[in-house]
Amino acid sequence: MSNVTPRVRTFSKAQIQQEFHQHCQSLAANDNRGFKQEFEELNDVGKELTSTAGDLEANREKNRYPFILPYDYCRVRLSVQHSQPHSDYINANFVPGGGTERDIICTQGPLRNTTADFWRMVWEQNVRIIVMVTALRHKDKVLCEPYWLLKQGSVRHGLIQVTTLSRRQGPDYFVTTINLRQRGCPTERMVTHYQYPAWPDQGVPKKPSSLCVLSEHVRQHLEAIPRLGPAVVHCSAGVGRSGAFVTLLWLMQLCERGIKPDVRAAVDDLRRHRMWMVQNLEQYVFVHQCLNYWLSRRAQRLPDSGPQSQDGLNSWSGKGELGRRQHDGGQTAFSDQSHSASQHPLDPRNLLRRLIPSLVPFPLMGRAPTQSTSTNKTT
């Protein structure tokens, strides 16, 4: 038996964009019929997985929303404090992002009583990038506690001293450099915090270009840093906007390496690690819009720009063209390869997150994959 790892067929960015553009047009036909069908097919994914720890009485006050709980098998476990049995709990899950089962941590926005746990998780998991895709408040509703200082200065949360060194504004997001020190530890760490406050709760940003600029910035940052620990992504609940952002980031990584994206397969996989990832149809469609916009710019070899540039996309309502059709120098679009995963063990629908290691070293890294266990509880 050969030990040679099979190579995955790769394609030009123009080819990927052309096929993905056509795929989106097909899904958008007849009042988004294809989008609706795909999204409905994801309804029951992960429902058999247990979330026992989050439902324990001792942990209920640590959950921002009582019906959004982390799956037991891939939940992030904190170190036990002072022999207290439930001090290891935080509402967070490891999720895949292209390389392993633990590339990214998706979590809820910290509560006042969980802020110290949040920073303990960041320290213990050696996190160097935090992506926050929510505002702190929406009208009178608190979506996330301010767990870092918006101006220069220090604040202590439990054992962790959190010092804001600088904060600068991008096109539609803020980038904060944070220094962390743990009491009794001589070393310190630097964390980059991205906040994208323009994403409304249970909704989508106004246009794809805005989110694509942030996603590309984060993608390039992840490419540049050493393999230390997972990135943290959170919104308010840590499922809808967080799921959409991780899906987009993951598929951008694949496309950058010439691998065709499969949004449905990515969301399916993410929902087997944290419930309700990509929470509604609008977010599901928006991921496609963002990816199509980003691919069109990459195929044209145009530099990424801020929100002042035009989207080049029309609304995906099944009416008319979806932006500008890409031409690939006379090359024809590749044929449909939707054969079963059993016929092709590296089909993206089956092993999407394991495609990258067979091609090149991948910058997103966590610990070794955990094994899921089948259970009978429905959440």
Protein backbone atom coordinates (compact mmCIF):
# COMPACT_ATOMS: atom_id res chain seq x y z
CA MET A 1 0.00 0.00 0.00
CA SER A 2 1.39 3.39 -0.95
CA ASN A 3 2.06 5.94 1.79
CA VAL A 4 2.04 8.85 -0.64
CA THR A 5 -0.61 11.44 0.25
CA PRO A 6 -3.00 11.98 -2.68
CA ARG A 7 -2.75 15.40 -4.27
CA VAL A 8 -5.88 17.46 -4.58
CA ARG A 9 -6.63 18.92 -7.98
CA THR A 10 -6.30 22.68 -7.91
CA PHE A 11 -7.69 25.37 -10.21
CA SER A 12 -6.95 28.95 -11.15
CA LYS A 13 -8.69 31.68 -9.22
CA ALA A 14 -10.49 32.73 -12.40
CA GLN A 15 -11.81 29.20 -12.89
CA ILE A 16 -12.92 28.97 -9.26
CA GLN A 17 -14.64 32.33 -9.45
CA GLN A 18 -16.42 31.50 -12.70
CA GLU A 19 -17.84 28.23 -11.42
CA PHE A 20 -18.75 29.67 -8.03
CA HIS A 21 -20.44 32.64 -9.68
CA GLN A 22 -22.52 30.28 -11.84
CA HIS A 23 -23.31 28.11 -8.82
CA CYS A 24 -24.64 31.14 -6.94
CA GLN A 25 -26.79 32.16 -9.89
CA SER A 26 -28.29 28.68 -9.90
CA LEU A 27 -29.02 28.83 -6.15
CA ALA A 28 -30.58 32.28 -6.52
CA ALA A 29 -32.99 31.28 -9.29
CA ASN A 30 -36.72 31.14 -8.53
CA ASP A 31 -36.58 33.44 -5.51
CA ASN A 32 -33.48 31.89 -3.91
CA ARG A 33 -34.94 28.42 -4.10
CA GLY A 34 -31.53 26.72 -4.08
CA PHE A 35 -30.27 28.72 -1.12
CA LYS A 36 -33.41 27.94 0.83
CA GLN A 37 -33.20 24.23 0.07
CA GLU A 38 -29.54 23.96 1.08
CA PHE A 39 -30.11 25.89 4.29
CA GLU A 40 -33.15 23.79 5.25
CA GLU A 41 -31.11 20.63 4.73
CA LEU A 42 -28.77 21.84 7.48
CA ASN A 43 -31.52 22.17 10.09
CA ASP A 44 -30.85 18.91 11.92
CA VAL A 45 -27.07 18.83 11.66
CA GLY A 46 -25.52 18.29 15.09
CA LYS A 47 -28.84 17.91 16.88
CA GLU A 48 -27.81 14.48 18.24
CA LEU A 49 -24.80 15.94 20.10
CA THR A 50 -24.98 16.57 23.85
CA SER A 51 -24.45 19.83 25.70
CA THR A 52 -24.68 18.48 29.24
CA ALA A 53 -22.03 20.69 30.84
CA GLY A 54 -23.65 23.92 29.74
CA ASP A 55 -27.01 22.81 31.08
CA LEU A 56 -25.75 22.10 34.59
CA GLU A 57 -27.24 24.41 37.21
CA ALA A 58 -23.76 25.49 38.30
CA ASN A 59 -22.99 26.71 34.76
CA ARG A 60 -26.29 28.22 33.64
CA GLU A 61 -25.44 31.74 34.78
CA LYS A 62 -22.33 31.58 32.58
CA ASN A 63 -24.42 31.32 29.40
CA ARG A 64 -25.55 34.51 27.71
CA TYR A 65 -28.45 32.68 26.07
CA PRO A 66 -29.88 29.59 27.81
CA PHE A 67 -30.62 27.79 24.54
CA ILE A 68 -27.14 28.23 23.00
CA LEU A 69 -24.78 25.81 24.72
CA PRO A 70 -21.43 24.27 23.71
CA TYR A 71 -21.29 20.66 22.60
CA ASP A 72 -19.60 18.54 25.25
CA TYR A 73 -17.15 16.66 23.06
CA CYS A 74 -15.38 19.73 21.67
CA ARG A 75 -16.01 22.35 24.32
CA VAL A 76 -13.05 24.40 25.52
CA ARG A 77 -12.06 23.27 29.00
CA LEU A 78 -10.41 25.74 31.33
CA SER A 79 -8.04 24.69 34.07
CA VAL A 80 -9.82 23.77 37.30
CA GLN A 81 -9.51 26.53 39.90
CA HIS A 82 -9.25 25.86 43.64
CA SER A 83 -10.55 22.29 43.16
CA GLN A 84 -13.95 23.64 42.10
CA PRO A 85 -15.41 21.01 39.73
CA HIS A 86 -17.27 23.41 37.42
CA SER A 87 -14.59 26.10 37.15
CA ASP A 88 -13.43 24.52 33.87
CA TYR A 89 -16.59 25.63 32.03
CA ILE A 90 -16.87 28.37 29.43
CA ASN A 91 -19.43 28.65 26.63
CA ALA A 92 -16.97 27.99 23.81
CA ASN A 93 -16.20 25.31 21.25
CA PHE A 94 -13.19 24.38 19.16
CA VAL A 95 -14.16 24.44 15.48
CA PRO A 96 -12.22 23.60 12.29
CA GLY A 97 -10.82 26.28 10.05
CA GLY A 98 -8.87 24.51 7.37
CA GLY A 99 -6.12 22.58 9.11
CA THR A 100 -7.32 20.78 12.23
CA GLU A 101 -10.41 20.37 14.40
CA ARG A 102 -9.10 23.11 16.71
CA ASP A 103 -8.06 25.94 14.44
CA ILE A 104 -10.55 28.39 15.91
CA ILE A 105 -12.48 28.90 19.14
CA CYS A 106 -16.02 30.22 18.70
CA THR A 107 -17.50 31.64 21.86
CA GLN A 108 -20.17 33.97 23.15
CA GLY A 109 -19.47 37.60 23.96
CA PRO A 110 -18.22 37.72 27.56
CA LEU A 111 -20.68 38.44 30.34
CA ARG A 112 -19.67 40.50 33.35
CA ASN A 113 -19.29 37.29 35.37
CA THR A 114 -17.37 35.43 32.63
CA THR A 115 -14.86 38.08 31.54
CA ALA A 116 -12.11 36.65 33.75
CA ASP A 117 -12.85 33.19 32.32
CA PHE A 118 -12.61 34.59 28.79
CA TRP A 119 -9.14 36.01 29.38
CA ARG A 120 -8.08 32.83 31.18
CA MET A 121 -9.11 30.90 28.06
CA VAL A 122 -7.12 33.28 25.85
CA TRP A 123 -4.06 32.79 28.03
CA GLU A 124 -4.35 29.02 28.47
CA GLN A 125 -4.96 28.40 24.76
CA ASN A 126 -2.15 30.75 23.70
CA VAL A 127 -4.51 32.85 21.58
CA ARG A 128 -2.88 35.71 19.64
CA ILE A 129 -5.81 36.89 17.50
CA ILE A 130 -9.35 37.77 18.64
CA VAL A 131 -12.03 38.68 16.09
CA MET A 132 -15.15 40.35 17.49
CA VAL A 133 -17.96 40.69 14.95
CA THR A 134 -20.48 42.62 17.02
CA ALA A 135 -21.03 45.97 18.66
CA LEU A 136 -21.09 46.11 22.45
CA ARG A 137 -24.70 47.27 22.47
CA HIS A 138 -27.69 47.60 20.18
CA LYS A 139 -30.05 50.26 21.51
CA ASP A 140 -30.84 49.09 25.05
CA LYS A 141 -29.61 45.52 24.55
CA VAL A 142 -26.17 44.56 25.81
CA LEU A 143 -24.56 42.24 23.25
CA CYS A 144 -21.16 41.93 24.91
CA GLU A 145 -19.43 43.29 27.99
CA PRO A 146 -16.47 45.62 27.33
CA TYR A 147 -13.76 43.16 28.30
CA TRP A 148 -10.85 45.38 27.20
CA LEU A 149 -10.13 49.10 27.45
CA LEU A 150 -10.90 51.26 24.44
CA LYS A 151 -8.16 53.68 25.48
CA GLN A 152 -4.62 53.08 26.64
CA GLY A 153 -4.44 51.64 30.12
CA SER A 154 -4.62 48.45 32.16
CA VAL A 155 -7.38 46.48 33.82
CA ARG A 156 -7.17 43.21 35.72
CA HIS A 157 -9.58 40.32 35.17
CA GLY A 158 -8.89 37.55 37.63
CA LEU A 159 -5.25 36.52 37.25
CA ILE A 160 -4.80 38.33 33.92
CA GLN A 161 -3.72 41.94 33.51
CA VAL A 162 -5.05 43.30 30.22
CA THR A 163 -3.26 46.40 28.88
CA THR A 164 -4.41 48.30 25.81
CA LEU A 165 -1.32 49.64 24.06
CA SER A 166 -2.85 51.12 20.91
CA ARG A 167 -6.11 51.25 19.00
CA ARG A 168 -6.43 52.27 15.36
CA GLN A 169 -9.35 52.39 12.97
CA GLY A 170 -9.56 50.55 9.67
CA PRO A 171 -12.22 51.10 7.00
CA ASP A 172 -15.07 49.57 9.07
CA TYR A 173 -13.26 47.96 11.97
CA PHE A 174 -10.89 48.68 14.84
CA VAL A 175 -7.56 46.99 15.55
CA THR A 176 -6.33 47.02 19.14
CA THR A 177 -2.95 45.80 20.35
CA ILE A 178 -3.22 44.26 23.80
CA ASN A 179 -0.54 43.11 26.21
CA LEU A 180 -1.34 40.25 28.60
CA ARG A 181 0.40 39.37 31.85
CA GLN A 182 -0.58 36.60 34.22
CA ARG A 183 0.05 37.02 37.92
CA GLY A 184 3.11 35.05 38.96
CA CYS A 185 4.27 34.49 35.37
CA PRO A 186 7.40 36.34 34.17
CA THR A 187 6.41 36.24 30.49
CA GLU A 188 3.99 38.49 28.65
CA ARG A 189 2.03 38.08 25.44
CA MET A 190 0.74 40.31 22.68
CA VAL A 191 -2.77 39.86 21.32
CA THR A 192 -4.32 41.58 18.30
CA HIS A 193 -8.01 42.35 18.75
CA TYR A 194 -10.20 43.07 15.71
CA GLN A 195 -13.62 44.57 16.26
CA TYR A 196 -16.18 44.84 13.47
CA PRO A 197 -19.14 46.67 15.07
CA ALA A 198 -21.10 47.25 11.86
CA TRP A 199 -22.56 43.72 11.76
CA PRO A 200 -26.12 43.83 13.15
CA ASP A 201 -27.39 41.10 15.46
CA GLN A 202 -29.01 38.26 13.44
CA GLY A 203 -28.44 40.26 10.26
CA VAL A 204 -25.70 41.02 7.74
CA PRO A 205 -23.45 44.01 6.94
CA LYS A 206 -24.60 46.47 4.31
CA LYS A 207 -22.27 45.22 1.59
CA PRO A 208 -19.82 42.38 1.00
CA SER A 209 -16.80 44.60 0.36
CA SER A 210 -16.76 45.82 3.95
CA LEU A 211 -16.53 42.37 5.55
CA CYS A 212 -14.16 41.09 2.86
CA VAL A 213 -11.60 43.76 3.73
CA LEU A 214 -11.60 42.62 7.37
CA SER A 215 -11.57 38.92 6.46
CA GLU A 216 -8.63 39.37 4.10
CA HIS A 217 -6.74 41.35 6.73
CA VAL A 218 -7.28 38.57 9.29
CA ARG A 219 -6.42 35.88 6.72
CA GLN A 220 -3.12 37.52 5.90
CA HIS A 221 -2.35 38.03 9.58
CA LEU A 222 -2.93 34.32 10.25
CA GLU A 223 -0.63 33.48 7.37
CA ALA A 224 2.12 35.66 8.82
CA ILE A 225 2.22 34.60 12.49
CA PRO A 226 3.81 31.43 13.92
CA ARG A 227 1.67 28.45 14.83
CA LEU A 228 0.93 29.19 18.46
CA GLY A 229 -2.72 28.60 19.28
CA PRO A 230 -6.22 28.95 17.87
CA ALA A 231 -7.80 32.25 16.96
CA VAL A 232 -10.90 33.34 18.90
CA VAL A 233 -14.00 34.50 17.02
CA HIS A 234 -17.07 35.77 18.85
CA CYS A 235 -20.18 37.85 18.40
CA SER A 236 -22.92 37.95 21.03
CA ALA A 237 -24.07 34.32 21.02
CA GLY A 238 -21.06 33.00 19.13
CA VAL A 239 -23.04 31.16 16.46
CA GLY A 240 -24.62 33.30 13.73
CA ARG A 241 -22.18 36.06 12.81
CA SER A 242 -19.27 34.08 14.22
CA GLY A 243 -20.22 31.08 12.08
CA ALA A 244 -20.54 33.20 8.95
CA PHE A 245 -17.15 34.83 9.53
CA VAL A 246 -15.38 31.50 10.14
CA THR A 247 -17.02 29.98 7.06
CA LEU A 248 -15.85 32.89 4.90
CA LEU A 249 -12.33 32.86 6.34
CA TRP A 250 -12.02 29.09 5.95
CA LEU A 251 -13.16 29.09 2.31
CA MET A 252 -10.96 32.05 1.46
CA GLN A 253 -8.02 29.99 2.71
CA LEU A 254 -9.04 27.09 0.47
CA CYS A 255 -9.58 29.28 -2.59
CA GLU A 256 -6.21 30.93 -2.08
CA ARG A 257 -4.70 27.47 -2.55
CA GLY A 258 -6.73 26.73 -5.67
CA ILE A 259 -9.35 24.50 -4.00
CA LYS A 260 -13.00 24.90 -4.95
CA PRO A 261 -15.16 26.18 -2.06
CA ASP A 262 -18.27 24.42 -0.77
CA VAL A 263 -20.25 26.66 1.58
CA ARG A 264 -22.80 24.02 2.45
CA ALA A 265 -20.11 21.48 3.41
CA ALA A 266 -18.29 24.04 5.56
CA VAL A 267 -21.44 25.05 7.44
CA ASP A 268 -22.37 21.39 7.88
CA ASP A 269 -18.98 20.70 9.43
CA LEU A 270 -19.07 23.77 11.66
CA ARG A 271 -22.53 22.82 12.95
CA ARG A 272 -21.10 19.50 14.09
CA HIS A 273 -18.81 21.50 16.39
CA ARG A 274 -21.07 24.32 17.61
CA MET A 275 -24.83 24.61 17.30
CA TRP A 276 -26.51 27.01 14.88
CA MET A 277 -23.36 28.17 13.15
CA VAL A 278 -24.57 30.57 10.42
CA GLN A 279 -27.89 31.12 12.12
CA ASN A 280 -30.24 32.23 9.34
CA LEU A 281 -30.76 32.20 5.59
CA GLU A 282 -29.71 35.83 5.17
CA GLN A 283 -26.30 35.07 6.68
CA TYR A 284 -25.96 31.93 4.57
CA VAL A 285 -26.60 33.90 1.36
CA PHE A 286 -24.28 36.66 2.52
CA VAL A 287 -21.37 34.24 2.89
CA HIS A 288 -21.84 33.38 -0.80
CA GLN A 289 -22.00 37.08 -1.72
CA CYS A 290 -18.80 37.85 0.16
CA LEU A 291 -16.91 34.91 -1.29
CA ASN A 292 -18.05 35.77 -4.83
CA TYR A 293 -16.99 39.40 -4.36
CA TRP A 294 -13.59 38.38 -2.99
CA LEU A 295 -13.03 35.82 -5.74
CA SER A 296 -13.93 38.33 -8.44
CA ARG A 297 -11.31 40.74 -7.16
CA ARG A 298 -8.68 38.00 -6.84
CA ALA A 299 -9.42 36.70 -10.32
CA GLN A 300 -9.01 40.21 -11.73
CA ARG A 301 -5.79 40.64 -9.70
CA LEU A 302 -7.06 43.88 -8.28
CA PRO A 303 -5.77 45.05 -4.88
CA ASP A 304 -8.16 44.86 -1.95
CA SER A 305 -9.63 48.21 -1.03
CA GLY A 306 -11.88 49.74 1.54
CA PRO A 307 -15.63 50.22 1.50
CA GLN A 308 -15.42 53.18 -0.87
CA SER A 309 -15.04 50.73 -3.77
CA GLN A 310 -18.11 49.39 -5.55
CA ASP A 311 -19.35 45.90 -4.76
CA GLY A 312 -19.90 44.90 -8.38
CA LEU A 313 -22.70 42.64 -7.17
CA ASN A 314 -26.41 42.83 -7.57
CA SER A 315 -28.83 41.48 -5.01
CA TRP A 316 -29.22 37.72 -5.19
CA SER A 317 -32.93 37.58 -5.61
CA GLY A 318 -32.97 35.48 -8.76
CA LYS A 319 -33.22 38.60 -10.93
CA GLY A 320 -30.60 39.32 -13.52
CA GLU A 321 -26.84 38.96 -13.38
CA LEU A 322 -24.87 38.47 -10.17
CA GLY A 323 -22.20 41.09 -10.80
CA ARG A 324 -19.84 40.94 -13.71
CA ARG A 325 -19.33 37.54 -15.36
CA GLN A 326 -15.70 36.47 -15.34
CA HIS A 327 -13.95 35.36 -18.54
CA ASP A 328 -11.01 33.01 -18.27
CA GLY A 329 -8.99 33.66 -21.41
CA GLY A 330 -10.98 31.18 -23.50
CA GLN A 331 -10.85 28.41 -20.88
CA THR A 332 -14.10 26.63 -20.31
CA ALA A 333 -15.61 26.09 -16.89
CA PHE A 334 -14.70 22.72 -15.44
CA SER A 335 -17.19 19.92 -15.47
CA ASP A 336 -19.47 19.00 -12.59
CA GLN A 337 -17.58 16.78 -10.18
CA SER A 338 -20.32 16.15 -7.66
CA HIS A 339 -19.62 12.45 -7.39
CA SER A 340 -19.95 10.76 -4.03
CA ALA A 341 -17.34 11.07 -1.29
CA SER A 342 -16.94 7.30 -1.30
CA GLN A 343 -15.67 7.52 -4.88
CA HIS A 344 -13.32 10.38 -4.02
CA PRO A 345 -12.05 10.29 -0.42
CA LEU A 346 -10.76 13.85 -0.64
CA ASP A 347 -14.04 15.33 -1.84
CA PRO A 348 -14.41 18.73 -0.10
CA ARG A 349 -17.94 17.75 0.98
CA ASN A 350 -16.47 14.98 3.09
CA LEU A 351 -13.04 16.08 4.31
CA LEU A 352 -12.94 19.81 3.64
CA ARG A 353 -10.79 20.73 6.63
CA ARG A 354 -8.24 18.00 5.84
CA LEU A 355 -7.52 19.15 2.30
CA ILE A 356 -4.91 21.71 3.23
CA PRO A 357 -2.34 19.48 5.02
CA SER A 358 -2.01 17.37 1.86
CA LEU A 359 -0.96 20.43 -0.12
CA VAL A 360 1.15 22.83 1.92
CA PRO A 361 1.79 23.63 5.61
CA PHE A 362 -1.19 25.57 6.92
CA PRO A 363 -0.84 28.52 9.31
CA LEU A 364 -4.01 27.96 11.32
CA MET A 365 -3.25 25.44 13.98
CA GLY A 366 -4.68 23.98 17.13
CA ARG A 367 -4.19 20.76 18.98
CA ALA A 368 -4.71 17.29 17.63
CA PRO A 369 -8.26 16.55 16.44
CA THR A 370 -10.70 15.28 19.00
CA GLN A 371 -12.99 12.37 18.31
CA SER A 372 -16.71 13.00 18.33
CA THR A 373 -18.99 10.55 20.04
CA SER A 374 -22.50 9.79 18.98
CA THR A 375 -25.15 10.42 21.62
CA ASN A 376 -28.89 10.27 21.91
CA LYS A 377 -29.61 13.67 23.43
CA THR A 378 -31.20 16.29 21.21
CA THR A 379 -30.35 19.92 21.81
